[in-house]
Amino acid sequence: MTYKRLGQDLELSEEQLTKNLMFASGKIFDGMNIAIKPDESKRWFGVQPPDLSVIARSRGADWLYTYFLEFLSG
């Protein structure tokens, strides 16, 4: 996923995106890199975590927000 696509999905302005989410890159069309390798995540968590960028596109940002809130209340 690119930063530009993330901004569109979350309805963020380009300014909000660059100010709050772009820590490692200066280009809005750059792809985001994950910090954990798939084999390490499988070793640590037992399974590879889902790609939430795909889920956010199919279910929407509100669903994803609610999903994260479940971890706080559960």
Protein backbone atom coordinates (compact mmCIF):
# COMPACT_ATOMS: atom_id res chain seq x y z
CA MET A 1 0.00 0.00 0.00
CA THR A 2 1.21 3.49 -0.73
CA TYR A 3 0.88 6.46 1.58
CA LYS A 4 -1.34 8.12 -1.03
CA ARG A 5 -3.76 5.17 -0.99
CA LEU A 6 -3.81 5.13 2.81
CA GLY A 7 -4.70 8.81 2.83
CA GLN A 8 -7.55 8.21 0.39
CA ASP A 9 -8.89 5.23 2.36
CA LEU A 10 -8.82 7.11 5.66
CA GLU A 11 -9.99 10.38 4.11
CA LEU A 12 -6.89 12.28 5.24
CA SER A 13 -5.55 15.37 3.54
CA GLU A 14 -2.08 15.23 2.07
CA GLU A 15 -0.90 17.57 4.83
CA GLN A 16 -2.30 15.30 7.58
CA LEU A 17 -0.72 12.31 5.92
CA THR A 18 2.76 13.77 5.60
CA LYS A 19 2.71 15.39 9.03
CA ASN A 20 1.41 12.39 11.01
CA LEU A 21 2.16 9.18 9.16
CA MET A 22 5.16 9.56 6.88
CA PHE A 23 8.13 9.07 9.18
CA ALA A 24 10.49 7.12 6.92
CA SER A 25 9.72 8.47 3.46
CA GLY A 26 9.41 11.84 1.82
CA LYS A 27 7.34 10.70 -1.17
CA ILE A 28 3.60 10.20 -0.98
CA PHE A 29 3.61 7.52 -3.70
CA ASP A 30 6.21 5.38 -1.92
CA GLY A 31 5.09 2.02 -0.66
CA MET A 32 5.01 1.35 3.07
CA ASN A 33 7.34 -1.31 4.40
CA ILE A 34 6.43 -3.52 7.31
CA ALA A 35 8.78 -3.67 10.27
CA ILE A 36 8.49 -7.41 10.82
CA LYS A 37 9.41 -10.19 8.42
CA PRO A 38 6.66 -12.77 7.71
CA ASP A 39 8.71 -15.70 9.08
CA GLU A 40 9.42 -13.79 12.31
CA SER A 41 5.76 -12.88 12.80
CA LYS A 42 4.76 -16.51 12.33
CA ARG A 43 7.36 -17.57 14.89
CA TRP A 44 6.28 -14.91 17.42
CA PHE A 45 2.49 -15.06 16.98
CA GLY A 46 1.95 -18.59 15.64
CA VAL A 47 0.43 -17.22 12.43
CA GLN A 48 1.21 -14.44 10.02
CA PRO A 49 -0.90 -11.37 10.92
CA PRO A 50 -3.52 -10.33 8.37
CA ASP A 51 -2.91 -7.55 5.87
CA LEU A 52 -5.19 -4.91 7.37
CA SER A 53 -4.76 -2.62 4.38
CA VAL A 54 -6.78 -5.06 2.28
CA ILE A 55 -9.38 -5.50 5.02
CA ALA A 56 -9.70 -1.72 5.43
CA ARG A 57 -10.41 -1.36 1.71
CA SER A 58 -13.06 -4.07 1.69
CA ARG A 59 -14.81 -3.28 5.00
CA GLY A 60 -14.01 0.41 5.47
CA ALA A 61 -12.16 2.56 7.97
CA ASP A 62 -15.04 2.53 10.49
CA TRP A 63 -14.96 -1.27 10.68
CA LEU A 64 -11.20 -1.25 11.18
CA TYR A 65 -11.46 1.38 13.92
CA THR A 66 -14.07 -0.73 15.73
CA TYR A 67 -11.87 -3.80 15.30
CA PHE A 68 -8.99 -2.05 17.05
CA LEU A 69 -11.27 -0.83 19.85
CA GLU A 70 -12.22 -4.43 20.61
CA PHE A 71 -8.67 -5.05 21.80
CA LEU A 72 -8.98 -2.25 24.35
CA SER A 73 -12.32 -3.38 25.74
CA GLY A 74 -11.75 -7.14 25.57
